[in-house]
């Protein structure tokens, strides 16, 4: 038994509860994340939840999806356009229901799996535990754009510890992914959890420190906020270089959002 499947389901449930009251038309509103709509974000989460589940339960189906995506992108289709085609006519509350029902079903399948078993992914293979942790991180990160659009106050819990661990564990990858040499020393990280607990890593690195809110650290690592939009304290050359390029999600290097471009809006009327 391991906690990450339940944490994924709980994060999905929080996002579902936020969206259930909305009319279908609200799902077409663009967010601050690249202009993606709520439909786009839920469709993106659903597509890659499906892929992660297939990698666990039906590797051939997973490989077929990745091959189809590869053909589509070679023909000039964007990832977002592919995902829109993949979900077909699903939108609004129908899409929300399909996504959430699948979240619950895949939670059961991941809970029953060996957390150490290896599964395929777009990049290197990963453990079952890492796979569902990545789905939690994606749900939390993309969900932020929806909370921001709706002007909703997000109440995080200590399940974001999973995201903080993912960010710490991808220290070297954040450099290597950009073709940069990986520093020998990992900065000390000291974070205050939503519960008030202190989470700390690499306490032996006193000359490089990242300190502050765990939520804000995860936001910067998932690129939902710029460092300047937080109160994180960063000192030391290595810590400064890392926080400038930190990226806890897979894929090619992405740039952090510009300062003051991701924020909680005044709110979106639900009717």
C-alpha atoms as a PDB file:
ATOM      1  CA  UNK A   1       0.000   0.000   0.000  1.00  0.00           C
ATOM      2  CA  UNK A   2       1.334   3.447  -0.875  1.00  0.00           C
ATOM      3  CA  UNK A   3      -0.131   6.921  -0.513  1.00  0.00           C
ATOM      4  CA  UNK A   4       0.363   8.509  -3.924  1.00  0.00           C
ATOM      5  CA  UNK A   5      -2.734   7.048  -5.666  1.00  0.00           C
ATOM      6  CA  UNK A   6      -5.002   8.441  -2.943  1.00  0.00           C
ATOM      7  CA  UNK A   7      -3.185  11.774  -3.052  1.00  0.00           C
ATOM      8  CA  UNK A   8      -3.766  11.891  -6.821  1.00  0.00           C
ATOM      9  CA  UNK A   9      -7.445  11.092  -6.350  1.00  0.00           C
ATOM     10  CA  UNK A  10      -7.853  13.685  -3.592  1.00  0.00           C
ATOM     11  CA  UNK A  11      -6.246  16.387  -5.757  1.00  0.00           C
ATOM     12  CA  UNK A  12      -8.514  15.441  -8.645  1.00  0.00           C
ATOM     13  CA  UNK A  13     -11.529  15.531  -6.319  1.00  0.00           C
ATOM     14  CA  UNK A  14     -10.678  19.064  -5.194  1.00  0.00           C
ATOM     15  CA  UNK A  15     -10.507  20.251  -8.811  1.00  0.00           C
ATOM     16  CA  UNK A  16     -13.721  18.408  -9.653  1.00  0.00           C
ATOM     17  CA  UNK A  17     -15.554  20.078  -6.763  1.00  0.00           C
ATOM     18  CA  UNK A  18     -14.397  23.481  -8.012  1.00  0.00           C
ATOM     19  CA  UNK A  19     -15.751  22.860 -11.513  1.00  0.00           C
ATOM     20  CA  UNK A  20     -19.020  21.017 -10.863  1.00  0.00           C
ATOM     21  CA  UNK A  21     -21.052  24.231 -10.323  1.00  0.00           C
ATOM     22  CA  UNK A  22     -19.946  25.800 -13.630  1.00  0.00           C
ATOM     23  CA  UNK A  23     -22.152  25.967 -16.734  1.00  0.00           C
ATOM     24  CA  UNK A  24     -20.782  24.354 -19.873  1.00  0.00           C
ATOM     25  CA  UNK A  25     -20.066  27.748 -21.444  1.00  0.00           C
ATOM     26  CA  UNK A  26     -17.557  28.583 -18.692  1.00  0.00           C
ATOM     27  CA  UNK A  27     -15.333  25.723 -19.828  1.00  0.00           C
ATOM     28  CA  UNK A  28     -14.544  27.704 -22.991  1.00  0.00           C
ATOM     29  CA  UNK A  29     -13.011  30.598 -21.051  1.00  0.00           C
ATOM     30  CA  UNK A  30      -9.242  31.002 -21.605  1.00  0.00           C
ATOM     31  CA  UNK A  31      -6.848  30.780 -18.673  1.00  0.00           C
ATOM     32  CA  UNK A  32      -3.527  32.545 -18.114  1.00  0.00           C
ATOM     33  CA  UNK A  33      -1.738  29.331 -19.137  1.00  0.00           C
ATOM     34  CA  UNK A  34      -1.009  29.854 -22.858  1.00  0.00           C
ATOM     35  CA  UNK A  35      -4.642  30.787 -23.415  1.00  0.00           C
ATOM     36  CA  UNK A  36      -5.754  27.201 -22.804  1.00  0.00           C
ATOM     37  CA  UNK A  37      -9.414  26.906 -21.878  1.00  0.00           C
ATOM     38  CA  UNK A  38     -10.757  24.863 -18.990  1.00  0.00           C
ATOM     39  CA  UNK A  39     -11.819  22.299 -21.603  1.00  0.00           C
ATOM     40  CA  UNK A  40      -8.242  22.189 -22.889  1.00  0.00           C
ATOM     41  CA  UNK A  41      -6.796  21.656 -19.421  1.00  0.00           C
ATOM     42  CA  UNK A  42      -9.227  18.932 -18.374  1.00  0.00           C
ATOM     43  CA  UNK A  43      -8.834  17.302 -21.782  1.00  0.00           C
ATOM     44  CA  UNK A  44      -5.039  17.387 -21.408  1.00  0.00           C
ATOM     45  CA  UNK A  45      -5.212  15.825 -17.951  1.00  0.00           C
ATOM     46  CA  UNK A  46      -7.649  13.172 -19.161  1.00  0.00           C
ATOM     47  CA  UNK A  47      -5.520  12.221 -22.183  1.00  0.00           C
ATOM     48  CA  UNK A  48      -2.369  11.716 -20.159  1.00  0.00           C
ATOM     49  CA  UNK A  49      -4.158  10.063 -17.247  1.00  0.00           C
ATOM     50  CA  UNK A  50      -5.424   7.603 -19.859  1.00  0.00           C
ATOM     51  CA  UNK A  51      -1.889   7.149 -21.171  1.00  0.00           C
ATOM     52  CA  UNK A  52      -0.461   6.543 -17.693  1.00  0.00           C
ATOM     53  CA  UNK A  53      -3.194   4.019 -16.974  1.00  0.00           C
ATOM     54  CA  UNK A  54      -2.549   2.275 -20.299  1.00  0.00           C
ATOM     55  CA  UNK A  55       1.163   2.079 -19.521  1.00  0.00           C
ATOM     56  CA  UNK A  56       0.187   0.176 -16.379  1.00  0.00           C
ATOM     57  CA  UNK A  57      -2.585  -2.029 -17.765  1.00  0.00           C
ATOM     58  CA  UNK A  58      -2.181  -2.262 -21.554  1.00  0.00           C
ATOM     59  CA  UNK A  59       1.270  -1.413 -22.864  1.00  0.00           C
ATOM     60  CA  UNK A  60       0.234  -1.990 -26.484  1.00  0.00           C
ATOM     61  CA  UNK A  61      -2.531   0.607 -26.171  1.00  0.00           C
ATOM     62  CA  UNK A  62      -0.040   3.033 -24.679  1.00  0.00           C
ATOM     63  CA  UNK A  63       2.449   2.472 -27.496  1.00  0.00           C
ATOM     64  CA  UNK A  64      -0.336   2.914 -30.071  1.00  0.00           C
ATOM     65  CA  UNK A  65      -1.261   6.293 -28.578  1.00  0.00           C
ATOM     66  CA  UNK A  66       2.340   7.483 -28.578  1.00  0.00           C
ATOM     67  CA  UNK A  67       2.818   6.321 -32.167  1.00  0.00           C
ATOM     68  CA  UNK A  68      -0.357   8.147 -33.219  1.00  0.00           C
ATOM     69  CA  UNK A  69       0.852  11.288 -31.462  1.00  0.00           C
ATOM     70  CA  UNK A  70       4.215  10.996 -33.207  1.00  0.00           C
ATOM     71  CA  UNK A  71       2.594  10.767 -36.635  1.00  0.00           C
ATOM     72  CA  UNK A  72       0.340  13.722 -35.861  1.00  0.00           C
ATOM     73  CA  UNK A  73       3.170  15.977 -34.714  1.00  0.00           C
ATOM     74  CA  UNK A  74       5.288  15.065 -37.742  1.00  0.00           C
ATOM     75  CA  UNK A  75       2.373  16.277 -39.864  1.00  0.00           C
ATOM     76  CA  UNK A  76       2.420  19.606 -38.058  1.00  0.00           C
ATOM     77  CA  UNK A  77      -0.321  19.036 -35.487  1.00  0.00           C
ATOM     78  CA  UNK A  78       0.320  20.608 -32.085  1.00  0.00           C
ATOM     79  CA  UNK A  79       0.014  18.617 -28.877  1.00  0.00           C
ATOM     80  CA  UNK A  80      -3.066  20.613 -27.921  1.00  0.00           C
ATOM     81  CA  UNK A  81      -4.691  19.986 -31.314  1.00  0.00           C
ATOM     82  CA  UNK A  82      -3.949  16.268 -30.967  1.00  0.00           C
ATOM     83  CA  UNK A  83      -5.564  16.201 -27.527  1.00  0.00           C
ATOM     84  CA  UNK A  84      -8.638  17.994 -28.843  1.00  0.00           C
ATOM     85  CA  UNK A  85      -8.981  15.382 -31.587  1.00  0.00           C
ATOM     86  CA  UNK A  86      -8.383  12.592 -29.081  1.00  0.00           C
ATOM     87  CA  UNK A  87     -11.262  13.630 -26.833  1.00  0.00           C
ATOM     88  CA  UNK A  88     -13.659  14.232 -29.727  1.00  0.00           C
ATOM     89  CA  UNK A  89     -16.845  16.073 -28.804  1.00  0.00           C
ATOM     90  CA  UNK A  90     -16.373  15.776 -25.053  1.00  0.00           C
ATOM     91  CA  UNK A  91     -16.595  19.209 -23.426  1.00  0.00           C
ATOM     92  CA  UNK A  92     -18.002  20.988 -20.407  1.00  0.00           C
ATOM     93  CA  UNK A  93     -19.645  18.912 -17.720  1.00  0.00           C
ATOM     94  CA  UNK A  94     -19.592  15.782 -19.894  1.00  0.00           C
ATOM     95  CA  UNK A  95     -15.809  16.026 -20.188  1.00  0.00           C
ATOM     96  CA  UNK A  96     -15.490  16.767 -16.480  1.00  0.00           C
ATOM     97  CA  UNK A  97     -17.545  13.682 -15.614  1.00  0.00           C
ATOM     98  CA  UNK A  98     -15.549  11.444 -17.960  1.00  0.00           C
ATOM     99  CA  UNK A  99     -12.229  12.733 -16.609  1.00  0.00           C
ATOM    100  CA  UNK A 100     -13.236  12.387 -12.967  1.00  0.00           C
ATOM    101  CA  UNK A 101     -14.745   8.937 -13.340  1.00  0.00           C
ATOM    102  CA  UNK A 102     -11.544   7.766 -14.993  1.00  0.00           C
ATOM    103  CA  UNK A 103      -9.455   9.334 -12.196  1.00  0.00           C
ATOM    104  CA  UNK A 104     -11.334   7.243  -9.658  1.00  0.00           C
ATOM    105  CA  UNK A 105     -11.025   4.029 -11.657  1.00  0.00           C
ATOM    106  CA  UNK A 106      -7.316   4.447 -12.333  1.00  0.00           C
ATOM    107  CA  UNK A 107      -6.731   5.205  -8.657  1.00  0.00           C
ATOM    108  CA  UNK A 108      -7.970   1.712  -7.823  1.00  0.00           C
ATOM    109  CA  UNK A 109      -5.700   0.142 -10.433  1.00  0.00           C
ATOM    110  CA  UNK A 110      -2.619   2.039  -9.286  1.00  0.00           C
ATOM    111  CA  UNK A 111      -3.386   1.290  -5.639  1.00  0.00           C
ATOM    112  CA  UNK A 112      -3.397  -2.433  -6.421  1.00  0.00           C
ATOM    113  CA  UNK A 113      -0.107  -2.284  -8.350  1.00  0.00           C
ATOM    114  CA  UNK A 114       3.426  -2.823  -7.084  1.00  0.00           C
ATOM    115  CA  UNK A 115       4.803   0.720  -6.584  1.00  0.00           C
ATOM    116  CA  UNK A 116       8.274  -0.436  -7.676  1.00  0.00           C
ATOM    117  CA  UNK A 117       7.152  -2.014 -10.953  1.00  0.00           C
ATOM    118  CA  UNK A 118       8.514  -0.285 -14.059  1.00  0.00           C
ATOM    119  CA  UNK A 119       6.147   1.171 -16.655  1.00  0.00           C
ATOM    120  CA  UNK A 120       6.727   2.800 -20.027  1.00  0.00           C
ATOM    121  CA  UNK A 121       6.464   6.533 -20.621  1.00  0.00           C
ATOM    122  CA  UNK A 122       7.206   9.041 -23.363  1.00  0.00           C
ATOM    123  CA  UNK A 123      10.745   9.384 -22.024  1.00  0.00           C
ATOM    124  CA  UNK A 124      12.547   6.858 -19.824  1.00  0.00           C
ATOM    125  CA  UNK A 125      10.645   4.101 -18.030  1.00  0.00           C
ATOM    126  CA  UNK A 126       9.580   4.932 -14.497  1.00  0.00           C
ATOM    127  CA  UNK A 127       8.196   3.223 -11.418  1.00  0.00           C
ATOM    128  CA  UNK A 128       4.470   2.955 -10.781  1.00  0.00           C
ATOM    129  CA  UNK A 129       4.958   5.262  -7.799  1.00  0.00           C
ATOM    130  CA  UNK A 130       6.677   7.865  -9.978  1.00  0.00           C
ATOM    131  CA  UNK A 131       4.004   7.548 -12.664  1.00  0.00           C
ATOM    132  CA  UNK A 132       1.082   8.333 -10.369  1.00  0.00           C
ATOM    133  CA  UNK A 133       3.130  11.032  -8.605  1.00  0.00           C
ATOM    134  CA  UNK A 134       3.650  12.691 -11.976  1.00  0.00           C
ATOM    135  CA  UNK A 135      -0.112  12.585 -12.573  1.00  0.00           C
ATOM    136  CA  UNK A 136      -0.664  14.222  -9.180  1.00  0.00           C
ATOM    137  CA  UNK A 137       1.854  16.934 -10.040  1.00  0.00           C
ATOM    138  CA  UNK A 138       0.285  17.579 -13.447  1.00  0.00           C
ATOM    139  CA  UNK A 139      -3.209  17.756 -11.954  1.00  0.00           C
ATOM    140  CA  UNK A 140      -2.061  20.167  -9.258  1.00  0.00           C
ATOM    141  CA  UNK A 141      -0.009  22.320 -11.649  1.00  0.00           C
ATOM    142  CA  UNK A 142      -2.570  22.614 -14.448  1.00  0.00           C
ATOM    143  CA  UNK A 143      -5.332  22.998 -11.905  1.00  0.00           C
ATOM    144  CA  UNK A 144      -3.682  26.210 -10.688  1.00  0.00           C
ATOM    145  CA  UNK A 145      -4.622  27.988 -13.933  1.00  0.00           C
ATOM    146  CA  UNK A 146      -8.265  27.099 -13.292  1.00  0.00           C
ATOM    147  CA  UNK A 147      -8.187  28.268  -9.681  1.00  0.00           C
ATOM    148  CA  UNK A 148      -6.606  31.509 -10.899  1.00  0.00           C
ATOM    149  CA  UNK A 149      -9.232  32.039 -13.608  1.00  0.00           C
ATOM    150  CA  UNK A 150     -12.093  31.482 -11.187  1.00  0.00           C
ATOM    151  CA  UNK A 151     -10.539  33.688  -8.520  1.00  0.00           C
ATOM    152  CA  UNK A 152     -10.739  30.765  -6.114  1.00  0.00           C
ATOM    153  CA  UNK A 153      -8.517  30.517  -3.051  1.00  0.00           C
ATOM    154  CA  UNK A 154      -6.689  27.221  -3.215  1.00  0.00           C
ATOM    155  CA  UNK A 155      -6.220  25.414   0.081  1.00  0.00           C
ATOM    156  CA  UNK A 156      -3.255  23.089  -0.273  1.00  0.00           C
ATOM    157  CA  UNK A 157      -2.592  20.095   1.951  1.00  0.00           C
ATOM    158  CA  UNK A 158       0.571  18.199   2.771  1.00  0.00           C
ATOM    159  CA  UNK A 159       0.004  15.953  -0.236  1.00  0.00           C
ATOM    160  CA  UNK A 160       2.082  18.527  -2.137  1.00  0.00           C
ATOM    161  CA  UNK A 161       5.047  16.909  -0.372  1.00  0.00           C
ATOM    162  CA  UNK A 162       5.007  14.532  -3.346  1.00  0.00           C
ATOM    163  CA  UNK A 163       5.545  17.479  -5.702  1.00  0.00           C
ATOM    164  CA  UNK A 164       8.308  18.954  -3.570  1.00  0.00           C
ATOM    165  CA  UNK A 165      10.100  15.585  -3.577  1.00  0.00           C
ATOM    166  CA  UNK A 166       9.706  15.391  -7.349  1.00  0.00           C
ATOM    167  CA  UNK A 167      11.219  18.861  -7.706  1.00  0.00           C
ATOM    168  CA  UNK A 168      14.167  17.980  -5.469  1.00  0.00           C
ATOM    169  CA  UNK A 169      14.749  14.698  -7.297  1.00  0.00           C
ATOM    170  CA  UNK A 170      14.837  16.432 -10.693  1.00  0.00           C
ATOM    171  CA  UNK A 171      17.615  18.846  -9.684  1.00  0.00           C
ATOM    172  CA  UNK A 172      20.172  17.236 -11.980  1.00  0.00           C
ATOM    173  CA  UNK A 173      17.669  16.684 -14.770  1.00  0.00           C
ATOM    174  CA  UNK A 174      16.731  20.380 -14.845  1.00  0.00           C
ATOM    175  CA  UNK A 175      20.330  21.153 -15.819  1.00  0.00           C
ATOM    176  CA  UNK A 176      20.914  18.145 -18.083  1.00  0.00           C
ATOM    177  CA  UNK A 177      17.659  18.796 -19.951  1.00  0.00           C
ATOM    178  CA  UNK A 178      19.137  22.122 -21.056  1.00  0.00           C
ATOM    179  CA  UNK A 179      22.523  20.689 -21.928  1.00  0.00           C
ATOM    180  CA  UNK A 180      24.109  22.317 -18.885  1.00  0.00           C
ATOM    181  CA  UNK A 181      26.657  20.695 -16.562  1.00  0.00           C
ATOM    182  CA  UNK A 182      25.086  19.371 -13.379  1.00  0.00           C
ATOM    183  CA  UNK A 183      26.542  20.994 -10.238  1.00  0.00           C
ATOM    184  CA  UNK A 184      28.189  18.696  -7.723  1.00  0.00           C
ATOM    185  CA  UNK A 185      26.265  20.215  -4.813  1.00  0.00           C
ATOM    186  CA  UNK A 186      22.503  20.170  -4.390  1.00  0.00           C
ATOM    187  CA  UNK A 187      21.204  23.216  -2.499  1.00  0.00           C
ATOM    188  CA  UNK A 188      19.716  22.951   0.933  1.00  0.00           C
ATOM    189  CA  UNK A 189      15.927  23.207   0.746  1.00  0.00           C
ATOM    190  CA  UNK A 190      13.898  24.160   3.805  1.00  0.00           C
ATOM    191  CA  UNK A 191      10.156  24.503   3.292  1.00  0.00           C
ATOM    192  CA  UNK A 192       7.146  25.199   5.472  1.00  0.00           C
ATOM    193  CA  UNK A 193       4.366  22.751   4.636  1.00  0.00           C
ATOM    194  CA  UNK A 194       0.684  23.731   4.525  1.00  0.00           C
ATOM    195  CA  UNK A 195       0.326  22.009   7.926  1.00  0.00           C
ATOM    196  CA  UNK A 196       3.166  24.068   9.374  1.00  0.00           C
ATOM    197  CA  UNK A 197       5.614  21.167   9.382  1.00  0.00           C
ATOM    198  CA  UNK A 198       9.165  21.808   8.194  1.00  0.00           C
ATOM    199  CA  UNK A 199      10.420  19.784   5.240  1.00  0.00           C
ATOM    200  CA  UNK A 200      14.152  19.800   4.670  1.00  0.00           C
ATOM    201  CA  UNK A 201      16.544  18.269   2.156  1.00  0.00           C
ATOM    202  CA  UNK A 202      20.333  18.404   1.804  1.00  0.00           C
ATOM    203  CA  UNK A 203      20.976  20.188   5.084  1.00  0.00           C
ATOM    204  CA  UNK A 204      24.720  19.684   4.490  1.00  0.00           C
ATOM    205  CA  UNK A 205      24.719  22.467   1.842  1.00  0.00           C
ATOM    206  CA  UNK A 206      24.854  25.664   3.933  1.00  0.00           C
ATOM    207  CA  UNK A 207      26.184  27.900   1.141  1.00  0.00           C
ATOM    208  CA  UNK A 208      23.190  27.342  -1.143  1.00  0.00           C
ATOM    209  CA  UNK A 209      19.697  27.657   0.278  1.00  0.00           C
ATOM    210  CA  UNK A 210      16.101  27.799  -0.935  1.00  0.00           C
ATOM    211  CA  UNK A 211      13.718  28.533   1.907  1.00  0.00           C
ATOM    212  CA  UNK A 212      10.069  29.446   2.311  1.00  0.00           C
ATOM    213  CA  UNK A 213       6.573  28.216   1.530  1.00  0.00           C
ATOM    214  CA  UNK A 214       6.285  24.663   0.186  1.00  0.00           C
ATOM    215  CA  UNK A 215       3.360  25.771  -1.960  1.00  0.00           C
ATOM    216  CA  UNK A 216       5.408  28.555  -3.528  1.00  0.00           C
ATOM    217  CA  UNK A 217       8.390  26.262  -4.103  1.00  0.00           C
ATOM    218  CA  UNK A 218       6.137  23.774  -5.884  1.00  0.00           C
ATOM    219  CA  UNK A 219       4.565  26.580  -7.917  1.00  0.00           C
ATOM    220  CA  UNK A 220       7.981  27.722  -9.140  1.00  0.00           C
ATOM    221  CA  UNK A 221       9.103  24.130  -9.822  1.00  0.00           C
ATOM    222  CA  UNK A 222       5.939  23.435 -11.824  1.00  0.00           C
ATOM    223  CA  UNK A 223       6.203  26.853 -13.511  1.00  0.00           C
ATOM    224  CA  UNK A 224       2.820  28.140 -12.389  1.00  0.00           C
ATOM    225  CA  UNK A 225       4.449  31.197 -10.782  1.00  0.00           C
ATOM    226  CA  UNK A 226       7.613  33.219 -11.377  1.00  0.00           C
ATOM    227  CA  UNK A 227      10.075  33.357  -8.511  1.00  0.00           C
ATOM    228  CA  UNK A 228       9.513  37.121  -8.232  1.00  0.00           C
ATOM    229  CA  UNK A 229       5.827  36.478  -7.526  1.00  0.00           C
ATOM    230  CA  UNK A 230       6.743  34.516  -4.390  1.00  0.00           C
ATOM    231  CA  UNK A 231       8.459  35.186  -1.078  1.00  0.00           C
ATOM    232  CA  UNK A 232      10.973  32.359  -1.474  1.00  0.00           C
ATOM    233  CA  UNK A 233      14.452  33.168  -0.205  1.00  0.00           C
ATOM    234  CA  UNK A 234      17.265  31.985  -2.459  1.00  0.00           C
ATOM    235  CA  UNK A 235      20.975  32.332  -1.715  1.00  0.00           C
ATOM    236  CA  UNK A 236      24.106  30.926  -3.313  1.00  0.00           C
ATOM    237  CA  UNK A 237      25.194  30.575  -6.926  1.00  0.00           C
ATOM    238  CA  UNK A 238      23.974  27.010  -7.460  1.00  0.00           C
ATOM    239  CA  UNK A 239      20.608  27.653  -5.821  1.00  0.00           C
ATOM    240  CA  UNK A 240      20.144  30.785  -7.931  1.00  0.00           C
ATOM    241  CA  UNK A 241      21.026  29.004 -11.163  1.00  0.00           C
ATOM    242  CA  UNK A 242      18.728  26.079 -10.350  1.00  0.00           C
ATOM    243  CA  UNK A 243      15.692  28.152  -9.394  1.00  0.00           C
ATOM    244  CA  UNK A 244      16.002  30.026 -12.698  1.00  0.00           C
ATOM    245  CA  UNK A 245      15.602  26.808 -14.724  1.00  0.00           C
ATOM    246  CA  UNK A 246      13.782  24.495 -12.313  1.00  0.00           C
ATOM    247  CA  UNK A 247      11.325  22.191 -14.070  1.00  0.00           C
ATOM    248  CA  UNK A 248       9.750  19.219 -12.304  1.00  0.00           C
ATOM    249  CA  UNK A 249       7.766  17.995 -15.329  1.00  0.00           C
ATOM    250  CA  UNK A 250       8.914  15.982 -18.340  1.00  0.00           C
ATOM    251  CA  UNK A 251       9.493  17.323 -21.812  1.00  0.00           C
ATOM    252  CA  UNK A 252      11.793  19.834 -23.480  1.00  0.00           C
ATOM    253  CA  UNK A 253      13.003  22.867 -21.513  1.00  0.00           C
ATOM    254  CA  UNK A 254      10.251  25.361 -20.753  1.00  0.00           C
ATOM    255  CA  UNK A 255      10.618  28.929 -19.586  1.00  0.00           C
ATOM    256  CA  UNK A 256       8.994  30.137 -16.386  1.00  0.00           C
ATOM    257  CA  UNK A 257       6.062  32.518 -16.812  1.00  0.00           C
ATOM    258  CA  UNK A 258       6.991  36.184 -16.763  1.00  0.00           C
ATOM    259  CA  UNK A 259       6.517  38.021 -13.456  1.00  0.00           C
ATOM    260  CA  UNK A 260       2.985  39.234 -12.757  1.00  0.00           C
ATOM    261  CA  UNK A 261       1.409  37.117 -15.513  1.00  0.00           C
ATOM    262  CA  UNK A 262      -0.013  34.322 -13.332  1.00  0.00           C
ATOM    263  CA  UNK A 263      -2.259  35.415 -10.500  1.00  0.00           C
ATOM    264  CA  UNK A 264      -5.637  34.874  -8.901  1.00  0.00           C
ATOM    265  CA  UNK A 265      -8.193  36.834 -10.918  1.00  0.00           C
ATOM    266  CA  UNK A 266     -11.127  38.678  -9.423  1.00  0.00           C
ATOM    267  CA  UNK A 267     -13.399  35.753 -10.210  1.00  0.00           C
ATOM    268  CA  UNK A 268     -15.628  34.269 -12.881  1.00  0.00           C
ATOM    269  CA  UNK A 269     -19.368  34.259 -12.487  1.00  0.00           C
ATOM    270  CA  UNK A 270     -20.830  30.777 -12.589  1.00  0.00           C
ATOM    271  CA  UNK A 271     -23.986  31.727 -14.448  1.00  0.00           C
END
